[in-house]
Amino acid sequence: MKKWWAVNVVWLVIFIGGLIHLLNRAVDGSGEEQTLGLRMISIAILAVLFFFVLFIQMSWRHSIKKKTWRKLNHK
């Protein structure tokens, strides 16, 4: 479980850093000036990625807890 928490902290730092970057940049990689609409689209894409990773993390957590439960009850 400790590895699971460590990975979650790393992902949280990555997403917060990405969000701060998206909110503070004036021009994106193609040279387009960032408007409120473009920032919202970028944040929505980051949110979709966040929920995809969240789904994977919850599946991983479920499998870890299931293995731990089996070890405790089958001694």
PDB file of N, CA and C in Angstrom:
ATOM      1  N   MET A   1       0.811  -1.203   0.000  1.00  0.00           N
ATOM      2  CA  MET A   1       0.000   0.000   0.000  1.00  0.00           C
ATOM      3  C   MET A   1       0.852   1.264   0.000  1.00  0.00           C
ATOM      4  N   LYS A   2       2.055   1.188   0.554  1.00  0.00           N
ATOM      5  CA  LYS A   2       2.908   2.375   0.609  1.00  0.00           C
ATOM      6  C   LYS A   2       3.300   2.822  -0.786  1.00  0.00           C
ATOM      7  N   LYS A   3       3.560   1.858  -1.672  1.00  0.00           N
ATOM      8  CA  LYS A   3       3.896   2.221  -3.057  1.00  0.00           C
ATOM      9  C   LYS A   3       2.712   2.903  -3.731  1.00  0.00           C
ATOM     10  N   TRP A   4       1.502   2.420  -3.443  1.00  0.00           N
ATOM     11  CA  TRP A   4       0.308   2.987  -4.043  1.00  0.00           C
ATOM     12  C   TRP A   4       0.161   4.456  -3.643  1.00  0.00           C
ATOM     13  N   TRP A   5       0.375   4.750  -2.357  1.00  0.00           N
ATOM     14  CA  TRP A   5       0.279   6.132  -1.889  1.00  0.00           C
ATOM     15  C   TRP A   5       1.378   7.002  -2.495  1.00  0.00           C
ATOM     16  N   ALA A   6       2.576   6.464  -2.608  1.00  0.00           N
ATOM     17  CA  ALA A   6       3.682   7.228  -3.194  1.00  0.00           C
ATOM     18  C   ALA A   6       3.385   7.568  -4.648  1.00  0.00           C
ATOM     19  N   VAL A   7       2.869   6.608  -5.383  1.00  0.00           N
ATOM     20  CA  VAL A   7       2.520   6.857  -6.790  1.00  0.00           C
ATOM     21  C   VAL A   7       1.418   7.907  -6.881  1.00  0.00           C
ATOM     22  N   ASN A   8       0.448   7.859  -5.992  1.00  0.00           N
ATOM     23  CA  ASN A   8      -0.630   8.850  -5.995  1.00  0.00           C
ATOM     24  C   ASN A   8      -0.112  10.257  -5.717  1.00  0.00           C
ATOM     25  N   VAL A   9       0.824  10.380  -4.807  1.00  0.00           N
ATOM     26  CA  VAL A   9       1.405  11.696  -4.515  1.00  0.00           C
ATOM     27  C   VAL A   9       2.141  12.224  -5.741  1.00  0.00           C
ATOM     28  N   VAL A  10       2.878  11.367  -6.425  1.00  0.00           N
ATOM     29  CA  VAL A  10       3.595  11.783  -7.642  1.00  0.00           C
ATOM     30  C   VAL A  10       2.600  12.246  -8.701  1.00  0.00           C
ATOM     31  N   TRP A  11       1.531  11.469  -8.908  1.00  0.00           N
ATOM     32  CA  TRP A  11       0.528  11.866  -9.907  1.00  0.00           C
ATOM     33  C   TRP A  11      -0.136  13.193  -9.536  1.00  0.00           C
ATOM     34  N   LEU A  12      -0.420  13.380  -8.269  1.00  0.00           N
ATOM     35  CA  LEU A  12      -1.047  14.625  -7.829  1.00  0.00           C
ATOM     36  C   LEU A  12      -0.143  15.825  -8.105  1.00  0.00           C
ATOM     37  N   VAL A  13       1.143  15.685  -7.828  1.00  0.00           N
ATOM     38  CA  VAL A  13       2.100  16.761  -8.099  1.00  0.00           C
ATOM     39  C   VAL A  13       2.164  17.048  -9.602  1.00  0.00           C
ATOM     40  N   ILE A  14       2.165  16.002 -10.417  1.00  0.00           N
ATOM     41  CA  ILE A  14       2.204  16.184 -11.874  1.00  0.00           C
ATOM     42  C   ILE A  14       0.969  16.932 -12.357  1.00  0.00           C
ATOM     43  N   PHE A  15      -0.215  16.538 -11.879  1.00  0.00           N
ATOM     44  CA  PHE A  15      -1.436  17.200 -12.329  1.00  0.00           C
ATOM     45  C   PHE A  15      -1.537  18.642 -11.835  1.00  0.00           C
ATOM     46  N   ILE A  16      -1.142  18.899 -10.614  1.00  0.00           N
ATOM     47  CA  ILE A  16      -1.173  20.276 -10.113  1.00  0.00           C
ATOM     48  C   ILE A  16      -0.180  21.131 -10.882  1.00  0.00           C
ATOM     49  N   GLY A  17       1.007  20.591 -11.155  1.00  0.00           N
ATOM     50  CA  GLY A  17       1.985  21.327 -11.961  1.00  0.00           C
ATOM     51  C   GLY A  17       1.472  21.602 -13.365  1.00  0.00           C
ATOM     52  N   GLY A  18       0.811  20.623 -13.966  1.00  0.00           N
ATOM     53  CA  GLY A  18       0.224  20.821 -15.295  1.00  0.00           C
ATOM     54  C   GLY A  18      -0.872  21.871 -15.287  1.00  0.00           C
ATOM     55  N   LEU A  19      -1.689  21.853 -14.253  1.00  0.00           N
ATOM     56  CA  LEU A  19      -2.760  22.843 -14.144  1.00  0.00           C
ATOM     57  C   LEU A  19      -2.190  24.248 -13.981  1.00  0.00           C
ATOM     58  N   ILE A  20      -1.190  24.402 -13.137  1.00  0.00           N
ATOM     59  CA  ILE A  20      -0.555  25.714 -12.952  1.00  0.00           C
ATOM     60  C   ILE A  20       0.066  26.187 -14.260  1.00  0.00           C
ATOM     61  N   HIS A  21       0.712  25.268 -14.963  1.00  0.00           N
ATOM     62  CA  HIS A  21       1.316  25.624 -16.253  1.00  0.00           C
ATOM     63  C   HIS A  21       0.254  26.082 -17.249  1.00  0.00           C
ATOM     64  N   LEU A  22      -0.861  25.352 -17.334  1.00  0.00           N
ATOM     65  CA  LEU A  22      -1.921  25.716 -18.273  1.00  0.00           C
ATOM     66  C   LEU A  22      -2.543  27.071 -17.940  1.00  0.00           C
ATOM     67  N   LEU A  23      -2.659  27.379 -16.671  1.00  0.00           N
ATOM     68  CA  LEU A  23      -3.284  28.643 -16.276  1.00  0.00           C
ATOM     69  C   LEU A  23      -2.350  29.837 -16.449  1.00  0.00           C
ATOM     70  N   ASN A  24      -1.032  29.616 -16.418  1.00  0.00           N
ATOM     71  CA  ASN A  24      -0.096  30.728 -16.457  1.00  0.00           C
ATOM     72  C   ASN A  24       0.511  31.018 -17.816  1.00  0.00           C
ATOM     73  N   ARG A  25       0.401  30.082 -18.762  1.00  0.00           N
ATOM     74  CA  ARG A  25       1.054  30.323 -20.052  1.00  0.00           C
ATOM     75  C   ARG A  25       0.244  31.310 -20.894  1.00  0.00           C
ATOM     76  N   ALA A  26       0.957  32.159 -21.612  1.00  0.00           N
ATOM     77  CA  ALA A  26       0.306  33.162 -22.455  1.00  0.00           C
ATOM     78  C   ALA A  26       0.137  32.664 -23.879  1.00  0.00           C
ATOM     79  N   VAL A  27       1.061  31.811 -24.334  1.00  0.00           N
ATOM     80  CA  VAL A  27       1.042  31.305 -25.708  1.00  0.00           C
ATOM     81  C   VAL A  27       1.279  29.805 -25.640  1.00  0.00           C
ATOM     82  N   ASP A  28       0.498  29.032 -26.421  1.00  0.00           N
ATOM     83  CA  ASP A  28       0.713  27.585 -26.410  1.00  0.00           C
ATOM     84  C   ASP A  28       1.818  27.186 -27.387  1.00  0.00           C
ATOM     85  N   GLY A  29       2.022  25.891 -27.560  1.00  0.00           N
ATOM     86  CA  GLY A  29       3.125  25.399 -28.377  1.00  0.00           C
ATOM     87  C   GLY A  29       3.030  25.762 -29.846  1.00  0.00           C
ATOM     88  N   SER A  30       1.826  25.997 -30.344  1.00  0.00           N
ATOM     89  CA  SER A  30       1.671  26.351 -31.757  1.00  0.00           C
ATOM     90  C   SER A  30       1.770  27.853 -31.994  1.00  0.00           C
ATOM     91  N   GLY A  31       1.932  28.621 -30.948  1.00  0.00           N
ATOM     92  CA  GLY A  31       2.046  30.071 -31.077  1.00  0.00           C
ATOM     93  C   GLY A  31       0.725  30.797 -30.928  1.00  0.00           C
ATOM     94  N   GLU A  32      -0.330  30.062 -30.620  1.00  0.00           N
ATOM     95  CA  GLU A  32      -1.662  30.646 -30.460  1.00  0.00           C
ATOM     96  C   GLU A  32      -1.783  31.289 -29.083  1.00  0.00           C
ATOM     97  N   GLU A  33      -2.287  32.524 -29.052  1.00  0.00           N
ATOM     98  CA  GLU A  33      -2.489  33.196 -27.775  1.00  0.00           C
ATOM     99  C   GLU A  33      -3.618  32.518 -27.009  1.00  0.00           C
ATOM    100  N   GLN A  34      -3.401  32.312 -25.712  1.00  0.00           N
ATOM    101  CA  GLN A  34      -4.367  31.596 -24.888  1.00  0.00           C
ATOM    102  C   GLN A  34      -5.505  32.514 -24.456  1.00  0.00           C
ATOM    103  N   THR A  35      -6.697  32.130 -24.851  1.00  0.00           N
ATOM    104  CA  THR A  35      -7.907  32.825 -24.407  1.00  0.00           C
ATOM    105  C   THR A  35      -8.563  31.967 -23.325  1.00  0.00           C
ATOM    106  N   LEU A  36      -9.595  32.485 -22.711  1.00  0.00           N
ATOM    107  CA  LEU A  36     -10.284  31.745 -21.663  1.00  0.00           C
ATOM    108  C   LEU A  36     -10.849  30.435 -22.211  1.00  0.00           C
ATOM    109  N   GLY A  37     -11.401  30.469 -23.402  1.00  0.00           N
ATOM    110  CA  GLY A  37     -11.962  29.264 -24.010  1.00  0.00           C
ATOM    111  C   GLY A  37     -10.914  28.193 -24.257  1.00  0.00           C
ATOM    112  N   LEU A  38      -9.766  28.607 -24.779  1.00  0.00           N
ATOM    113  CA  LEU A  38      -8.695  27.644 -25.028  1.00  0.00           C
ATOM    114  C   LEU A  38      -8.136  27.075 -23.727  1.00  0.00           C
ATOM    115  N   ARG A  39      -8.069  27.900 -22.707  1.00  0.00           N
ATOM    116  CA  ARG A  39      -7.601  27.408 -21.404  1.00  0.00           C
ATOM    117  C   ARG A  39      -8.581  26.381 -20.836  1.00  0.00           C
ATOM    118  N   MET A  40      -9.869  26.637 -20.990  1.00  0.00           N
ATOM    119  CA  MET A  40     -10.871  25.704 -20.484  1.00  0.00           C
ATOM    120  C   MET A  40     -10.806  24.367 -21.232  1.00  0.00           C
ATOM    121  N   ILE A  41     -10.572  24.413 -22.535  1.00  0.00           N
ATOM    122  CA  ILE A  41     -10.421  23.179 -23.310  1.00  0.00           C
ATOM    123  C   ILE A  41      -9.193  22.409 -22.841  1.00  0.00           C
ATOM    124  N   SER A  42      -8.100  23.112 -22.621  1.00  0.00           N
ATOM    125  CA  SER A  42      -6.874  22.465 -22.143  1.00  0.00           C
ATOM    126  C   SER A  42      -7.081  21.831 -20.774  1.00  0.00           C
ATOM    127  N   ILE A  43      -7.785  22.519 -19.890  1.00  0.00           N
ATOM    128  CA  ILE A  43      -8.061  21.986 -18.561  1.00  0.00           C
ATOM    129  C   ILE A  43      -9.000  20.783 -18.661  1.00  0.00           C
ATOM    130  N   ALA A  44      -9.972  20.826 -19.574  1.00  0.00           N
ATOM    131  CA  ALA A  44     -10.872  19.690 -19.758  1.00  0.00           C
ATOM    132  C   ALA A  44     -10.097  18.456 -20.228  1.00  0.00           C
ATOM    133  N   ILE A  45      -9.156  18.641 -21.135  1.00  0.00           N
ATOM    134  CA  ILE A  45      -8.328  17.522 -21.597  1.00  0.00           C
ATOM    135  C   ILE A  45      -7.495  16.974 -20.450  1.00  0.00           C
ATOM    136  N   LEU A  46      -6.935  17.849 -19.631  1.00  0.00           N
ATOM    137  CA  LEU A  46      -6.170  17.409 -18.464  1.00  0.00           C
ATOM    138  C   LEU A  46      -7.076  16.668 -17.475  1.00  0.00           C
ATOM    139  N   ALA A  47      -8.317  17.110 -17.320  1.00  0.00           N
ATOM    140  CA  ALA A  47      -9.258  16.449 -16.415  1.00  0.00           C
ATOM    141  C   ALA A  47      -9.607  15.047 -16.913  1.00  0.00           C
ATOM    142  N   VAL A  48      -9.778  14.885 -18.224  1.00  0.00           N
ATOM    143  CA  VAL A  48     -10.050  13.553 -18.780  1.00  0.00           C
ATOM    144  C   VAL A  48      -8.876  12.628 -18.480  1.00  0.00           C
ATOM    145  N   LEU A  49      -7.657  13.109 -18.673  1.00  0.00           N
ATOM    146  CA  LEU A  49      -6.480  12.322 -18.348  1.00  0.00           C
ATOM    147  C   LEU A  49      -6.448  11.986 -16.857  1.00  0.00           C
ATOM    148  N   PHE A  50      -6.798  12.950 -16.017  1.00  0.00           N
ATOM    149  CA  PHE A  50      -6.832  12.730 -14.577  1.00  0.00           C
ATOM    150  C   PHE A  50      -7.801  11.608 -14.217  1.00  0.00           C
ATOM    151  N   PHE A  51      -9.001  11.619 -14.797  1.00  0.00           N
ATOM    152  CA  PHE A  51      -9.986  10.589 -14.471  1.00  0.00           C
ATOM    153  C   PHE A  51      -9.588   9.224 -15.012  1.00  0.00           C
ATOM    154  N   PHE A  52      -8.886   9.186 -16.140  1.00  0.00           N
ATOM    155  CA  PHE A  52      -8.357   7.926 -16.664  1.00  0.00           C
ATOM    156  C   PHE A  52      -7.335   7.337 -15.692  1.00  0.00           C
ATOM    157  N   VAL A  53      -6.422   8.163 -15.222  1.00  0.00           N
ATOM    158  CA  VAL A  53      -5.409   7.714 -14.256  1.00  0.00           C
ATOM    159  C   VAL A  53      -6.085   7.338 -12.935  1.00  0.00           C
ATOM    160  N   LEU A  54      -7.087   8.089 -12.511  1.00  0.00           N
ATOM    161  CA  LEU A  54      -7.819   7.777 -11.285  1.00  0.00           C
ATOM    162  C   LEU A  54      -8.469   6.401 -11.376  1.00  0.00           C
ATOM    163  N   PHE A  55      -9.057   6.087 -12.516  1.00  0.00           N
ATOM    164  CA  PHE A  55      -9.668   4.774 -12.719  1.00  0.00           C
ATOM    165  C   PHE A  55      -8.627   3.660 -12.596  1.00  0.00           C
ATOM    166  N   ILE A  56      -7.472   3.855 -13.212  1.00  0.00           N
ATOM    167  CA  ILE A  56      -6.403   2.861 -13.124  1.00  0.00           C
ATOM    168  C   ILE A  56      -5.926   2.719 -11.681  1.00  0.00           C
ATOM    169  N   GLN A  57      -5.770   3.829 -10.970  1.00  0.00           N
ATOM    170  CA  GLN A  57      -5.313   3.795  -9.578  1.00  0.00           C
ATOM    171  C   GLN A  57      -6.322   3.078  -8.677  1.00  0.00           C
ATOM    172  N   MET A  58      -7.603   3.326  -8.881  1.00  0.00           N
ATOM    173  CA  MET A  58      -8.613   2.664  -8.058  1.00  0.00           C
ATOM    174  C   MET A  58      -8.657   1.164  -8.356  1.00  0.00           C
ATOM    175  N   SER A  59      -8.460   0.775  -9.604  1.00  0.00           N
ATOM    176  CA  SER A  59      -8.390  -0.647  -9.952  1.00  0.00           C
ATOM    177  C   SER A  59      -7.186  -1.293  -9.283  1.00  0.00           C
ATOM    178  N   TRP A  60      -6.050  -0.603  -9.300  1.00  0.00           N
ATOM    179  CA  TRP A  60      -4.839  -1.105  -8.669  1.00  0.00           C
ATOM    180  C   TRP A  60      -5.056  -1.254  -7.166  1.00  0.00           C
ATOM    181  N   ARG A  61      -5.677  -0.251  -6.547  1.00  0.00           N
ATOM    182  CA  ARG A  61      -5.941  -0.299  -5.114  1.00  0.00           C
ATOM    183  C   ARG A  61      -6.857  -1.466  -4.765  1.00  0.00           C
ATOM    184  N   HIS A  62      -7.872  -1.673  -5.585  1.00  0.00           N
ATOM    185  CA  HIS A  62      -8.799  -2.782  -5.348  1.00  0.00           C
ATOM    186  C   HIS A  62      -8.064  -4.120  -5.392  1.00  0.00           C
ATOM    187  N   SER A  63      -7.174  -4.291  -6.351  1.00  0.00           N
ATOM    188  CA  SER A  63      -6.445  -5.553  -6.448  1.00  0.00           C
ATOM    189  C   SER A  63      -5.473  -5.727  -5.275  1.00  0.00           C
ATOM    190  N   ILE A  64      -4.867  -4.645  -4.808  1.00  0.00           N
ATOM    191  CA  ILE A  64      -3.969  -4.727  -3.652  1.00  0.00           C
ATOM    192  C   ILE A  64      -4.753  -5.119  -2.403  1.00  0.00           C
ATOM    193  N   LYS A  65      -5.892  -4.477  -2.187  1.00  0.00           N
ATOM    194  CA  LYS A  65      -6.694  -4.791  -0.998  1.00  0.00           C
ATOM    195  C   LYS A  65      -7.217  -6.221  -1.067  1.00  0.00           C
ATOM    196  N   LYS A  66      -7.563  -6.682  -2.263  1.00  0.00           N
ATOM    197  CA  LYS A  66      -8.060  -8.040  -2.425  1.00  0.00           C
ATOM    198  C   LYS A  66      -6.967  -9.058  -2.084  1.00  0.00           C
ATOM    199  N   LYS A  67      -5.738  -8.815  -2.542  1.00  0.00           N
ATOM    200  CA  LYS A  67      -4.624  -9.709  -2.227  1.00  0.00           C
ATOM    201  C   LYS A  67      -4.307  -9.688  -0.743  1.00  0.00           C
ATOM    202  N   THR A  68      -4.353  -8.511  -0.124  1.00  0.00           N
ATOM    203  CA  THR A  68      -4.093  -8.387   1.304  1.00  0.00           C
ATOM    204  C   THR A  68      -5.153  -9.132   2.101  1.00  0.00           C
ATOM    205  N   TRP A  69      -6.406  -9.015   1.703  1.00  0.00           N
ATOM    206  CA  TRP A  69      -7.493  -9.692   2.386  1.00  0.00           C
ATOM    207  C   TRP A  69      -7.319 -11.201   2.297  1.00  0.00           C
ATOM    208  N   ARG A  70      -6.925 -11.696   1.122  1.00  0.00           N
ATOM    209  CA  ARG A  70      -6.705 -13.139   0.956  1.00  0.00           C
ATOM    210  C   ARG A  70      -5.575 -13.631   1.844  1.00  0.00           C
ATOM    211  N   LYS A  71      -4.485 -12.863   1.936  1.00  0.00           N
ATOM    212  CA  LYS A  71      -3.358 -13.266   2.777  1.00  0.00           C
ATOM    213  C   LYS A  71      -3.766 -13.334   4.246  1.00  0.00           C
ATOM    214  N   LEU A  72      -4.571 -12.378   4.688  1.00  0.00           N
ATOM    215  CA  LEU A  72      -4.964 -12.342   6.091  1.00  0.00           C
ATOM    216  C   LEU A  72      -5.938 -13.459   6.450  1.00  0.00           C
ATOM    217  N   ASN A  73      -6.805 -13.854   5.529  1.00  0.00           N
ATOM    218  CA  ASN A  73      -7.833 -14.826   5.832  1.00  0.00           C
ATOM    219  C   ASN A  73      -7.487 -16.267   5.468  1.00  0.00           C
ATOM    220  N   HIS A  74      -6.357 -16.503   4.844  1.00  0.00           N
ATOM    221  CA  HIS A  74      -5.997 -17.862   4.433  1.00  0.00           C
ATOM    222  C   HIS A  74      -4.714 -18.332   5.078  1.00  0.00           C
ATOM    223  N   LYS A  75      -4.527 -18.015   6.329  1.00  0.00           N
ATOM    224  CA  LYS A  75      -3.306 -18.464   7.033  1.00  0.00           C
ATOM    225  C   LYS A  75      -3.511 -19.836   7.605  1.00  0.00           C
TER     226      LYS A  75
END
